[in-house]
Amino acid sequence: MVKKNVNIHLVKQDNSWIIKADEDLANAITGNLIEMAKAFGN
């Protein structure tokens, strides 16, 4: 099992909180799919 800490950036907009997505968040949600795609692309 792999563990990784990820900071999730939130922005308050119009009285609600919006998640500011970035590559680290995408990798955390998809099980590192973004990094694997990059590795196969090289």
N, C-alpha and C. Protein backbone atom coordinates (compact mmCIF):
# COMPACT_ATOMS: atom_id res chain seq x y z
N MET A 1 0.84 -1.18 0.00
CA MET A 1 0.00 0.00 0.00
C MET A 1 0.89 1.24 0.00
N VAL A 2 0.49 2.21 -0.79
CA VAL A 2 1.22 3.47 -0.88
C VAL A 2 0.39 4.56 -0.24
N LYS A 3 1.06 5.39 0.55
CA LYS A 3 0.37 6.53 1.17
C LYS A 3 1.04 7.81 0.71
N LYS A 4 0.23 8.82 0.49
CA LYS A 4 0.75 10.12 0.10
C LYS A 4 -0.17 11.20 0.65
N ASN A 5 0.40 12.19 1.27
CA ASN A 5 -0.37 13.34 1.76
C ASN A 5 -0.59 14.31 0.60
N VAL A 6 -1.82 14.79 0.49
CA VAL A 6 -2.16 15.72 -0.58
C VAL A 6 -2.86 16.92 0.04
N ASN A 7 -2.43 18.09 -0.32
CA ASN A 7 -3.10 19.31 0.11
C ASN A 7 -4.22 19.62 -0.88
N ILE A 8 -5.40 19.84 -0.34
CA ILE A 8 -6.54 20.20 -1.17
C ILE A 8 -6.80 21.69 -0.97
N HIS A 9 -6.72 22.43 -2.06
CA HIS A 9 -6.86 23.88 -2.00
C HIS A 9 -8.32 24.25 -2.22
N LEU A 10 -8.84 25.04 -1.30
CA LEU A 10 -10.23 25.49 -1.37
C LEU A 10 -10.27 27.00 -1.56
N VAL A 11 -11.24 27.47 -2.34
CA VAL A 11 -11.42 28.89 -2.58
C VAL A 11 -12.88 29.21 -2.25
N LYS A 12 -13.09 30.24 -1.42
CA LYS A 12 -14.46 30.63 -1.10
C LYS A 12 -14.96 31.57 -2.20
N GLN A 13 -16.08 31.18 -2.79
CA GLN A 13 -16.64 31.96 -3.90
C GLN A 13 -18.15 31.96 -3.77
N ASP A 14 -18.72 33.14 -3.71
CA ASP A 14 -20.18 33.30 -3.63
C ASP A 14 -20.79 32.46 -2.49
N ASN A 15 -20.25 32.61 -1.29
CA ASN A 15 -20.74 31.92 -0.09
C ASN A 15 -20.67 30.40 -0.16
N SER A 16 -19.80 29.84 -1.00
CA SER A 16 -19.58 28.40 -1.02
C SER A 16 -18.10 28.14 -1.27
N TRP A 17 -17.68 26.93 -0.93
CA TRP A 17 -16.29 26.55 -1.10
C TRP A 17 -16.13 25.75 -2.39
N ILE A 18 -15.12 26.12 -3.18
CA ILE A 18 -14.82 25.46 -4.45
C ILE A 18 -13.46 24.78 -4.32
N ILE A 19 -13.38 23.52 -4.74
CA ILE A 19 -12.10 22.80 -4.75
C ILE A 19 -11.31 23.25 -5.97
N LYS A 20 -10.10 23.73 -5.74
CA LYS A 20 -9.22 24.11 -6.84
C LYS A 20 -8.40 22.88 -7.21
N ALA A 21 -8.84 22.19 -8.25
CA ALA A 21 -8.22 20.92 -8.65
C ALA A 21 -6.84 21.15 -9.25
N ASP A 22 -5.94 20.25 -8.94
CA ASP A 22 -4.61 20.27 -9.54
C ASP A 22 -4.19 18.82 -9.80
N GLU A 23 -3.00 18.64 -10.30
CA GLU A 23 -2.54 17.31 -10.68
C GLU A 23 -2.42 16.38 -9.47
N ASP A 24 -1.98 16.90 -8.34
CA ASP A 24 -1.87 16.06 -7.14
C ASP A 24 -3.23 15.52 -6.71
N LEU A 25 -4.25 16.35 -6.76
CA LEU A 25 -5.60 15.91 -6.41
C LEU A 25 -6.10 14.87 -7.42
N ALA A 26 -5.87 15.11 -8.69
CA ALA A 26 -6.30 14.16 -9.72
C ALA A 26 -5.63 12.80 -9.53
N ASN A 27 -4.34 12.80 -9.22
CA ASN A 27 -3.64 11.54 -8.97
C ASN A 27 -4.18 10.84 -7.74
N ALA A 28 -4.50 11.59 -6.71
CA ALA A 28 -5.04 10.99 -5.49
C ALA A 28 -6.39 10.34 -5.74
N ILE A 29 -7.23 10.98 -6.54
CA ILE A 29 -8.56 10.46 -6.82
C ILE A 29 -8.51 9.25 -7.76
N THR A 30 -7.61 9.29 -8.73
CA THR A 30 -7.57 8.25 -9.76
C THR A 30 -6.57 7.14 -9.49
N GLY A 31 -5.95 7.13 -8.34
CA GLY A 31 -4.96 6.08 -8.06
C GLY A 31 -3.70 6.23 -8.89
N ASN A 32 -3.27 7.45 -9.09
CA ASN A 32 -2.04 7.80 -9.82
C ASN A 32 -2.14 7.58 -11.32
N LEU A 33 -3.34 7.60 -11.85
CA LEU A 33 -3.54 7.38 -13.28
C LEU A 33 -2.86 8.44 -14.13
N ILE A 34 -2.83 9.67 -13.67
CA ILE A 34 -2.20 10.76 -14.43
C ILE A 34 -0.70 10.50 -14.58
N GLU A 35 -0.05 10.10 -13.49
CA GLU A 35 1.38 9.82 -13.55
C GLU A 35 1.67 8.62 -14.45
N MET A 36 0.83 7.59 -14.40
CA MET A 36 1.02 6.42 -15.26
C MET A 36 0.88 6.81 -16.73
N ALA A 37 -0.08 7.65 -17.04
CA ALA A 37 -0.28 8.09 -18.42
C ALA A 37 0.94 8.86 -18.91
N LYS A 38 1.51 9.69 -18.05
CA LYS A 38 2.71 10.44 -18.42
C LYS A 38 3.87 9.49 -18.69
N ALA A 39 4.00 8.44 -17.86
CA ALA A 39 5.10 7.49 -18.01
C ALA A 39 4.98 6.74 -19.35
N PHE A 40 3.78 6.38 -19.75
CA PHE A 40 3.59 5.68 -21.01
C PHE A 40 3.73 6.61 -22.19
N GLY A 41 3.53 7.89 -21.97
CA GLY A 41 3.64 8.86 -23.04
C GLY A 41 5.07 9.18 -23.43
N ASN A 42 6.02 8.86 -22.55
CA ASN A 42 7.43 9.17 -22.83
C ASN A 42 8.10 8.10 -23.61
